[in-house]
Amino acid sequence: MMRYLKGISTLKIDPEGCTGCGFCLDVCPHEVIALKGKKAEVRDLDACMECGACAGNCPAGAIAVQAGVGCANAIINGMITGGPPDCGCGEGGKSSCCS
């Protein structure tokens, strides 16, 4: 399984708002979310590529993620260049999310 930048993902689940429908599990390509009891919880945050499919398909609006913040972009750039993950964001082009 592809790993993304450690501890960077913006994925958040509101357990009070979650209805336990499981749509988020169905649409997540990396099995980031699991159901515990009747509530969704983050199972593997560092596997989240911030695609936003979970939040976009949550009928209760209990999931928030800043889709495409740059982490997936940084990983791909690092793979292409052979260097460290870097999306080039931040002031003066210096990455703030990839340090």
Foldseek 3Di string as FASTA:
>chain_A
DDFWDPPQWPKDFAQVQQQLPCQLCVPDPQSQWDDDPSGIDGPHRRSDQQQCSSCVPRPSNRIDTDRPPFGNVQVVVCVVVVHARARQDDPPSHDPRRD
